[in-house]
PDB file of N, CA and C in Angstrom:
ATOM      1  N   MET A   1      -4.642 -33.115  -6.938  1.00  0.00           N
ATOM      2  CA  MET A   1      -4.932 -32.048  -5.997  1.00  0.00           C
ATOM      3  C   MET A   1      -3.883 -30.953  -6.169  1.00  0.00           C
ATOM      4  N   ASN A   2      -4.327 -29.712  -6.163  1.00  0.00           N
ATOM      5  CA  ASN A   2      -3.427 -28.569  -6.282  1.00  0.00           C
ATOM      6  C   ASN A   2      -2.991 -28.097  -4.905  1.00  0.00           C
ATOM      7  N   LYS A   3      -1.704 -27.780  -4.801  1.00  0.00           N
ATOM      8  CA  LYS A   3      -1.198 -27.221  -3.548  1.00  0.00           C
ATOM      9  C   LYS A   3      -1.553 -25.745  -3.489  1.00  0.00           C
ATOM     10  N   VAL A   4      -1.882 -25.287  -2.307  1.00  0.00           N
ATOM     11  CA  VAL A   4      -2.212 -23.880  -2.089  1.00  0.00           C
ATOM     12  C   VAL A   4      -1.100 -23.270  -1.252  1.00  0.00           C
ATOM     13  N   ASN A   5      -0.621 -22.111  -1.675  1.00  0.00           N
ATOM     14  CA  ASN A   5       0.418 -21.431  -0.931  1.00  0.00           C
ATOM     15  C   ASN A   5      -0.198 -20.772   0.295  1.00  0.00           C
ATOM     16  N   CYS A   6       0.010 -21.359   1.448  1.00  0.00           N
ATOM     17  CA  CYS A   6      -0.572 -20.853   2.689  1.00  0.00           C
ATOM     18  C   CYS A   6       0.114 -19.583   3.172  1.00  0.00           C
ATOM     19  N   ALA A   7       1.308 -19.296   2.670  1.00  0.00           N
ATOM     20  CA  ALA A   7       2.027 -18.095   3.096  1.00  0.00           C
ATOM     21  C   ALA A   7       1.293 -16.829   2.676  1.00  0.00           C
ATOM     22  N   LEU A   8       0.429 -16.925   1.676  1.00  0.00           N
ATOM     23  CA  LEU A   8      -0.291 -15.756   1.208  1.00  0.00           C
ATOM     24  C   LEU A   8      -1.499 -15.416   2.074  1.00  0.00           C
ATOM     25  N   GLU A   9      -1.856 -16.296   2.977  1.00  0.00           N
ATOM     26  CA  GLU A   9      -3.005 -16.071   3.845  1.00  0.00           C
ATOM     27  C   GLU A   9      -2.570 -15.223   5.041  1.00  0.00           C
ATOM     28  N   LEU A  10      -2.500 -13.920   4.841  1.00  0.00           N
ATOM     29  CA  LEU A  10      -2.068 -13.006   5.882  1.00  0.00           C
ATOM     30  C   LEU A  10      -3.254 -12.450   6.646  1.00  0.00           C
ATOM     31  N   SER A  11      -3.022 -12.147   7.885  1.00  0.00           N
ATOM     32  CA  SER A  11      -4.051 -11.493   8.677  1.00  0.00           C
ATOM     33  C   SER A  11      -4.029 -10.010   8.337  1.00  0.00           C
ATOM     34  N   ILE A  12      -5.116  -9.510   7.782  1.00  0.00           N
ATOM     35  CA  ILE A  12      -5.201  -8.116   7.366  1.00  0.00           C
ATOM     36  C   ILE A  12      -6.000  -7.349   8.415  1.00  0.00           C
ATOM     37  N   PRO A  13      -5.388  -6.291   8.947  1.00  0.00           N
ATOM     38  CA  PRO A  13      -6.122  -5.498   9.949  1.00  0.00           C
ATOM     39  C   PRO A  13      -7.425  -4.948   9.369  1.00  0.00           C
ATOM     40  N   ASN A  14      -8.463  -4.901  10.188  1.00  0.00           N
ATOM     41  CA  ASN A  14      -9.777  -4.455   9.749  1.00  0.00           C
ATOM     42  C   ASN A  14      -9.735  -3.032   9.204  1.00  0.00           C
ATOM     43  N   GLY A  15      -8.961  -2.159   9.818  1.00  0.00           N
ATOM     44  CA  GLY A  15      -8.865  -0.777   9.355  1.00  0.00           C
ATOM     45  C   GLY A  15      -8.323  -0.694   7.944  1.00  0.00           C
ATOM     46  N   LEU A  16      -7.373  -1.559   7.616  1.00  0.00           N
ATOM     47  CA  LEU A  16      -6.805  -1.571   6.280  1.00  0.00           C
ATOM     48  C   LEU A  16      -7.839  -2.029   5.255  1.00  0.00           C
ATOM     49  N   GLU A  17      -8.637  -3.004   5.608  1.00  0.00           N
ATOM     50  CA  GLU A  17      -9.699  -3.466   4.704  1.00  0.00           C
ATOM     51  C   GLU A  17     -10.689  -2.340   4.417  1.00  0.00           C
ATOM     52  N   GLN A  18     -10.975  -1.516   5.416  1.00  0.00           N
ATOM     53  CA  GLN A  18     -11.927  -0.421   5.238  1.00  0.00           C
ATOM     54  C   GLN A  18     -11.390   0.637   4.293  1.00  0.00           C
ATOM     55  N   VAL A  19     -10.073   0.741   4.176  1.00  0.00           N
ATOM     56  CA  VAL A  19      -9.468   1.700   3.264  1.00  0.00           C
ATOM     57  C   VAL A  19      -9.354   1.107   1.863  1.00  0.00           C
ATOM     58  N   VAL A  20      -8.976  -0.156   1.783  1.00  0.00           N
ATOM     59  CA  VAL A  20      -8.710  -0.792   0.495  1.00  0.00           C
ATOM     60  C   VAL A  20      -9.999  -1.071  -0.275  1.00  0.00           C
ATOM     61  N   GLU A  21     -11.045  -1.444   0.416  1.00  0.00           N
ATOM     62  CA  GLU A  21     -12.286  -1.810  -0.282  1.00  0.00           C
ATOM     63  C   GLU A  21     -12.832  -0.690  -1.167  1.00  0.00           C
ATOM     64  N   PRO A  22     -12.956   0.559  -0.680  1.00  0.00           N
ATOM     65  CA  PRO A  22     -13.447   1.617  -1.570  1.00  0.00           C
ATOM     66  C   PRO A  22     -12.495   1.875  -2.741  1.00  0.00           C
ATOM     67  N   LEU A  23     -11.198   1.761  -2.485  1.00  0.00           N
ATOM     68  CA  LEU A  23     -10.230   1.955  -3.558  1.00  0.00           C
ATOM     69  C   LEU A  23     -10.377   0.860  -4.613  1.00  0.00           C
ATOM     70  N   ALA A  24     -10.543  -0.375  -4.172  1.00  0.00           N
ATOM     71  CA  ALA A  24     -10.742  -1.484  -5.112  1.00  0.00           C
ATOM     72  C   ALA A  24     -12.027  -1.292  -5.910  1.00  0.00           C
ATOM     73  N   ASN A  25     -13.077  -0.824  -5.252  1.00  0.00           N
ATOM     74  CA  ASN A  25     -14.331  -0.563  -5.957  1.00  0.00           C
ATOM     75  C   ASN A  25     -14.143   0.515  -7.017  1.00  0.00           C
ATOM     76  N   TYR A  26     -13.408   1.563  -6.662  1.00  0.00           N
ATOM     77  CA  TYR A  26     -13.138   2.642  -7.614  1.00  0.00           C
ATOM     78  C   TYR A  26     -12.346   2.104  -8.808  1.00  0.00           C
ATOM     79  N   ILE A  27     -11.293   1.354  -8.524  1.00  0.00           N
ATOM     80  CA  ILE A  27     -10.442   0.820  -9.592  1.00  0.00           C
ATOM     81  C   ILE A  27     -11.257  -0.059 -10.534  1.00  0.00           C
ATOM     82  N   CYS A  28     -12.075  -0.931  -9.979  1.00  0.00           N
ATOM     83  CA  CYS A  28     -12.874  -1.843 -10.803  1.00  0.00           C
ATOM     84  C   CYS A  28     -13.939  -1.121 -11.612  1.00  0.00           C
ATOM     85  N   ALA A  29     -14.386   0.036 -11.131  1.00  0.00           N
ATOM     86  CA  ALA A  29     -15.460   0.761 -11.817  1.00  0.00           C
ATOM     87  C   ALA A  29     -14.951   1.625 -12.966  1.00  0.00           C
ATOM     88  N   THR A  30     -13.646   1.826 -13.045  1.00  0.00           N
ATOM     89  CA  THR A  30     -13.111   2.671 -14.110  1.00  0.00           C
ATOM     90  C   THR A  30     -13.115   1.936 -15.441  1.00  0.00           C
ATOM     91  N   GLU A  31     -12.999   2.695 -16.517  1.00  0.00           N
ATOM     92  CA  GLU A  31     -12.953   2.086 -17.847  1.00  0.00           C
ATOM     93  C   GLU A  31     -11.623   1.384 -18.089  1.00  0.00           C
ATOM     94  N   GLN A  32     -10.588   1.811 -17.409  1.00  0.00           N
ATOM     95  CA  GLN A  32      -9.271   1.205 -17.543  1.00  0.00           C
ATOM     96  C   GLN A  32      -8.757   0.815 -16.155  1.00  0.00           C
ATOM     97  N   PRO A  33      -9.222  -0.322 -15.611  1.00  0.00           N
ATOM     98  CA  PRO A  33      -8.852  -0.687 -14.243  1.00  0.00           C
ATOM     99  C   PRO A  33      -7.350  -0.922 -14.060  1.00  0.00           C
ATOM    100  N   LYS A  34      -6.689  -1.449 -15.079  1.00  0.00           N
ATOM    101  CA  LYS A  34      -5.253  -1.691 -14.934  1.00  0.00           C
ATOM    102  C   LYS A  34      -4.503  -0.366 -14.783  1.00  0.00           C
ATOM    103  N   THR A  35      -4.867   0.627 -15.564  1.00  0.00           N
ATOM    104  CA  THR A  35      -4.238   1.947 -15.464  1.00  0.00           C
ATOM    105  C   THR A  35      -4.532   2.578 -14.108  1.00  0.00           C
ATOM    106  N   ALA A  36      -5.758   2.456 -13.636  1.00  0.00           N
ATOM    107  CA  ALA A  36      -6.128   3.011 -12.328  1.00  0.00           C
ATOM    108  C   ALA A  36      -5.359   2.308 -11.213  1.00  0.00           C
ATOM    109  N   LEU A  37      -5.205   1.004 -11.316  1.00  0.00           N
ATOM    110  CA  LEU A  37      -4.451   0.251 -10.312  1.00  0.00           C
ATOM    111  C   LEU A  37      -2.997   0.690 -10.297  1.00  0.00           C
ATOM    112  N   MET A  38      -2.394   0.824 -11.464  1.00  0.00           N
ATOM    113  CA  MET A  38      -0.996   1.237 -11.543  1.00  0.00           C
ATOM    114  C   MET A  38      -0.817   2.652 -10.980  1.00  0.00           C
ATOM    115  N   SER A  39      -1.773   3.528 -11.236  1.00  0.00           N
ATOM    116  CA  SER A  39      -1.711   4.886 -10.689  1.00  0.00           C
ATOM    117  C   SER A  39      -1.828   4.870  -9.169  1.00  0.00           C
ATOM    118  N   ALA A  40      -2.739   4.066  -8.649  1.00  0.00           N
ATOM    119  CA  ALA A  40      -2.918   3.967  -7.192  1.00  0.00           C
ATOM    120  C   ALA A  40      -1.656   3.412  -6.539  1.00  0.00           C
ATOM    121  N   LEU A  41      -1.041   2.429  -7.163  1.00  0.00           N
ATOM    122  CA  LEU A  41       0.195   1.871  -6.608  1.00  0.00           C
ATOM    123  C   LEU A  41       1.325   2.889  -6.648  1.00  0.00           C
ATOM    124  N   ALA A  42       1.409   3.664  -7.720  1.00  0.00           N
ATOM    125  CA  ALA A  42       2.443   4.690  -7.822  1.00  0.00           C
ATOM    126  C   ALA A  42       2.289   5.720  -6.706  1.00  0.00           C
ATOM    127  N   VAL A  43       1.055   6.137  -6.435  1.00  0.00           N
ATOM    128  CA  VAL A  43       0.801   7.096  -5.352  1.00  0.00           C
ATOM    129  C   VAL A  43       1.182   6.483  -4.010  1.00  0.00           C
ATOM    130  N   LEU A  44       0.803   5.238  -3.793  1.00  0.00           N
ATOM    131  CA  LEU A  44       1.132   4.558  -2.539  1.00  0.00           C
ATOM    132  C   LEU A  44       2.640   4.465  -2.350  1.00  0.00           C
ATOM    133  N   PHE A  45       3.371   4.066  -3.382  1.00  0.00           N
ATOM    134  CA  PHE A  45       4.820   3.968  -3.269  1.00  0.00           C
ATOM    135  C   PHE A  45       5.467   5.322  -3.001  1.00  0.00           C
ATOM    136  N   ARG A  46       4.964   6.379  -3.651  1.00  0.00           N
ATOM    137  CA  ARG A  46       5.502   7.719  -3.398  1.00  0.00           C
ATOM    138  C   ARG A  46       5.281   8.129  -1.937  1.00  0.00           C
ATOM    139  N   GLU A  47       4.110   7.817  -1.412  1.00  0.00           N
ATOM    140  CA  GLU A  47       3.813   8.152  -0.022  1.00  0.00           C
ATOM    141  C   GLU A  47       4.708   7.382   0.938  1.00  0.00           C
ATOM    142  N   VAL A  48       4.929   6.116   0.659  1.00  0.00           N
ATOM    143  CA  VAL A  48       5.800   5.298   1.516  1.00  0.00           C
ATOM    144  C   VAL A  48       7.227   5.832   1.463  1.00  0.00           C
ATOM    145  N   GLU A  49       7.704   6.161   0.271  1.00  0.00           N
ATOM    146  CA  GLU A  49       9.051   6.715   0.135  1.00  0.00           C
ATOM    147  C   GLU A  49       9.176   8.039   0.888  1.00  0.00           C
ATOM    148  N   ALA A  50       8.185   8.898   0.778  1.00  0.00           N
ATOM    149  CA  ALA A  50       8.216  10.184   1.484  1.00  0.00           C
ATOM    150  C   ALA A  50       8.221   9.972   2.998  1.00  0.00           C
ATOM    151  N   THR A  51       7.441   9.030   3.468  1.00  0.00           N
ATOM    152  CA  THR A  51       7.398   8.726   4.899  1.00  0.00           C
ATOM    153  C   THR A  51       8.737   8.190   5.370  1.00  0.00           C
ATOM    154  N   ASN A  52       9.341   7.307   4.572  1.00  0.00           N
ATOM    155  CA  ASN A  52      10.650   6.763   4.932  1.00  0.00           C
ATOM    156  C   ASN A  52      11.721   7.845   4.951  1.00  0.00           C
ATOM    157  N   ARG A  53      11.671   8.768   3.989  1.00  0.00           N
ATOM    158  CA  ARG A  53      12.637   9.868   3.975  1.00  0.00           C
ATOM    159  C   ARG A  53      12.472  10.741   5.220  1.00  0.00           C
ATOM    160  N   ALA A  54      11.230  11.035   5.561  1.00  0.00           N
ATOM    161  CA  ALA A  54      10.971  11.865   6.746  1.00  0.00           C
ATOM    162  C   ALA A  54      11.439  11.148   8.017  1.00  0.00           C
ATOM    163  N   ALA A  55      11.184   9.861   8.115  1.00  0.00           N
ATOM    164  CA  ALA A  55      11.608   9.104   9.294  1.00  0.00           C
ATOM    165  C   ALA A  55      13.129   9.042   9.375  1.00  0.00           C
ATOM    166  N   SER A  56      13.786   8.852   8.239  1.00  0.00           N
ATOM    167  CA  SER A  56      15.252   8.819   8.226  1.00  0.00           C
ATOM    168  C   SER A  56      15.828  10.163   8.643  1.00  0.00           C
ATOM    169  N   ALA A  57      15.252  11.248   8.146  1.00  0.00           N
ATOM    170  CA  ALA A  57      15.724  12.575   8.512  1.00  0.00           C
ATOM    171  C   ALA A  57      15.527  12.819  10.002  1.00  0.00           C
ATOM    172  N   HIS A  58      14.395  12.390  10.529  1.00  0.00           N
ATOM    173  CA  HIS A  58      14.123  12.543  11.960  1.00  0.00           C
ATOM    174  C   HIS A  58      15.131  11.743  12.771  1.00  0.00           C
ATOM    175  N   PHE A  59      15.416  10.521  12.338  1.00  0.00           N
ATOM    176  CA  PHE A  59      16.357   9.660  13.042  1.00  0.00           C
ATOM    177  C   PHE A  59      17.755  10.278  13.018  1.00  0.00           C
ATOM    178  N   ARG A  60      18.171  10.783  11.875  1.00  0.00           N
ATOM    179  CA  ARG A  60      19.486  11.423  11.760  1.00  0.00           C
ATOM    180  C   ARG A  60      19.548  12.656  12.661  1.00  0.00           C
ATOM    181  N   ALA A  61      18.456  13.410  12.722  1.00  0.00           N
ATOM    182  CA  ALA A  61      18.427  14.619  13.553  1.00  0.00           C
ATOM    183  C   ALA A  61      18.553  14.262  15.030  1.00  0.00           C
ATOM    184  N   THR A  62      17.947  13.175  15.448  1.00  0.00           N
ATOM    185  CA  THR A  62      18.030  12.779  16.865  1.00  0.00           C
ATOM    186  C   THR A  62      19.423  12.261  17.203  1.00  0.00           C
ATOM    187  N   LEU A  63      20.124  11.693  16.230  1.00  0.00           N
ATOM    188  CA  LEU A  63      21.489  11.229  16.488  1.00  0.00           C
ATOM    189  C   LEU A  63      22.454  12.392  16.600  1.00  0.00           C
ATOM    190  N   ALA A  64      22.160  13.485  15.923  1.00  0.00           N
ATOM    191  CA  ALA A  64      23.043  14.644  15.922  1.00  0.00           C
ATOM    192  C   ALA A  64      22.975  15.425  17.231  1.00  0.00           C
ATOM    193  N   VAL A  65      21.942  15.205  18.007  1.00  0.00           N
ATOM    194  CA  VAL A  65      21.750  15.973  19.261  1.00  0.00           C
ATOM    195  C   VAL A  65      22.622  15.445  20.350  1.00  0.00           C
TER     196      VAL A  65
END
């Protein structure tokens, strides 16, 4: 019997599934799905980094007041 890693069974919010499903369909439909996936991840990481920078700047600004 194979052990299954139960830690990977995360509860995914329904709204997130509604966003990811069309993106996954797009990625799978391309001629180069691996390249499309890597591009989508790069965009996602850039957005997260930009959001974190903005939040940090906002936090620093509130401390300065």
